[in-house]
Protein backbone atom coordinates (compact mmCIF):
# COMPACT_ATOMS: atom_id res chain seq x y z
CA MET A 1 -1.91 15.29 -37.08
CA LYS A 2 -1.98 13.79 -33.78
CA TYR A 3 -1.39 10.28 -32.57
CA VAL A 4 -1.34 8.44 -29.39
CA LEU A 5 1.95 6.28 -28.81
CA LEU A 6 1.35 3.38 -26.40
CA PHE A 7 4.33 2.12 -24.52
CA CYS A 8 3.61 -1.61 -23.89
CA GLY A 9 5.82 -4.41 -22.54
CA THR A 10 5.55 -8.22 -21.37
CA ALA A 11 6.38 -9.55 -18.15
CA GLU A 12 9.69 -10.28 -19.53
CA ASP A 13 10.47 -6.89 -20.63
CA ALA A 14 9.58 -5.95 -16.85
CA ARG A 15 12.43 -8.38 -15.75
CA ARG A 16 14.91 -6.62 -18.09
CA TYR A 17 14.05 -3.45 -16.66
CA GLU A 18 14.30 -4.63 -12.96
CA ALA A 19 17.44 -6.26 -13.10
CA MET A 20 19.06 -3.19 -14.94
CA SER A 21 22.39 -1.74 -13.12
CA GLU A 22 22.08 1.73 -11.48
CA ALA A 23 24.55 2.77 -14.22
CA ASP A 24 22.48 0.93 -16.94
CA MET A 25 19.07 2.45 -15.63
CA GLN A 26 20.34 6.08 -15.57
CA ALA A 27 21.49 5.54 -19.28
CA GLN A 28 18.21 4.24 -20.05
CA LEU A 29 16.25 7.31 -18.32
CA ALA A 30 18.63 9.88 -20.05
CA ARG A 31 17.77 8.51 -23.63
CA VAL A 32 14.22 8.31 -22.94
CA GLY A 33 14.16 11.73 -21.26
CA ALA A 34 16.03 12.99 -24.36
CA TRP A 35 13.20 11.27 -26.63
CA PHE A 36 10.53 12.89 -24.57
CA GLY A 37 12.64 16.46 -25.09
CA ASP A 38 11.08 16.58 -29.36
CA SER A 39 9.20 19.45 -29.98
CA ARG A 40 6.37 16.94 -31.69
CA ILE A 41 5.42 15.87 -28.41
CA ARG A 42 2.45 17.44 -26.94
CA GLY A 43 1.87 15.06 -23.55
CA GLY A 44 2.46 12.01 -22.10
CA ALA A 45 3.12 10.18 -18.73
CA ARG A 46 4.23 6.92 -17.06
CA LEU A 47 1.69 4.37 -15.75
CA THR A 48 2.19 2.49 -12.48
CA PRO A 49 2.35 -1.39 -13.03
CA LYS A 50 -1.06 -2.73 -14.32
CA SER A 51 -0.97 -4.66 -10.63
CA ALA A 52 -2.51 -1.16 -9.35
CA ALA A 53 -5.23 -1.32 -12.03
CA THR A 54 -9.02 -1.28 -10.97
CA THR A 55 -11.43 -1.84 -14.34
CA VAL A 56 -15.04 -1.28 -14.71
CA ARG A 57 -17.08 -3.78 -17.29
CA PHE A 58 -20.50 -3.66 -18.14
CA GLY A 59 -22.97 -6.45 -17.64
CA ALA A 60 -25.52 -7.53 -20.22
CA ASN A 61 -28.13 -5.34 -18.42
CA GLY A 62 -25.69 -2.33 -18.42
CA ALA A 63 -24.75 -1.86 -14.69
CA PRO A 64 -20.90 -1.38 -13.89
CA LEU A 65 -18.92 -4.07 -12.25
CA VAL A 66 -15.94 -2.75 -10.53
CA THR A 67 -13.00 -5.29 -10.00
CA ASP A 68 -9.82 -4.90 -8.31
CA GLY A 69 -7.03 -5.71 -11.09
CA PRO A 70 -6.08 -5.85 -14.57
CA PHE A 71 -8.42 -7.60 -16.58
CA ILE A 72 -7.96 -6.45 -20.07
CA GLU A 73 -6.99 -9.33 -21.85
CA GLY A 74 -3.41 -9.55 -23.59
CA ASN A 75 -0.17 -10.59 -21.92
CA GLU A 76 1.28 -6.92 -22.43
CA ASP A 77 0.94 -3.93 -20.25
CA ILE A 78 0.62 -0.12 -21.01
CA GLY A 79 3.55 1.22 -19.15
CA GLY A 80 3.13 4.64 -20.17
CA TRP A 81 2.10 7.11 -23.53
CA ALA A 82 2.52 10.31 -25.61
CA ILE A 83 0.54 12.49 -27.46
CA VAL A 84 3.02 13.63 -30.57
CA ASP A 85 1.61 16.03 -33.40
CA VAL A 86 3.04 15.02 -36.41
CA ALA A 87 2.19 15.56 -40.43
CA ASP A 88 0.91 11.94 -40.90
CA LEU A 89 1.06 8.17 -39.68
CA ASP A 90 4.67 7.60 -41.19
CA GLU A 91 6.60 10.54 -39.18
CA ALA A 92 4.42 9.10 -35.74
CA LEU A 93 5.59 5.70 -37.20
CA ALA A 94 9.35 7.39 -37.41
CA MET A 95 9.06 8.68 -33.74
CA ALA A 96 8.00 4.79 -32.65
CA ARG A 97 10.78 3.35 -34.33
CA ALA A 98 13.15 5.42 -32.49
CA TRP A 99 11.26 5.39 -28.93
CA PRO A 100 14.76 3.92 -27.31
CA ALA A 101 12.45 1.59 -24.61
CA ARG A 102 12.24 -0.99 -27.15
CA GLY A 103 8.64 -3.22 -26.22
CA VAL A 104 6.03 -2.67 -28.38
CA VAL A 105 4.49 0.93 -28.88
CA GLU A 106 1.19 0.49 -30.45
CA VAL A 107 0.28 4.13 -32.54
CA ARG A 108 -3.44 5.14 -32.96
CA PRO A 109 -4.50 8.71 -34.32
CA LEU A 110 -6.45 10.56 -31.97
CA HIS A 111 -10.20 10.84 -32.93
CA GLU A 112 -11.71 13.43 -35.15
CA SER A 113 -12.54 15.61 -32.67
CA GLU A 114 -9.44 16.00 -30.46
CA GLN A 115 -7.52 17.22 -33.60
CA GLY A 116 -7.78 20.69 -32.66
């Protein structure tokens, strides 16, 4: 089964990240790079901060409204994602538990039509 792991963090997580020394940052990036080296990972990417977002909402009449900024509810920001190809949810959760950057990892199965 394929799952998407969404890597999320709070403003506090971002502040801790930005305050890291260069050596700590390089060590963290090495751990994350090693994690992404797992052969079960089928793709992924880091995202820009939510301040770079543009949001499209559809009004009651169905007309799209485009606004600058992150207007999805919540206090966490999605910083990146990975698609993993694993046997089951337990294996996906084990990978999420091993995420070296910590924060929050949301695990969602891909829709059945995307499993192929």
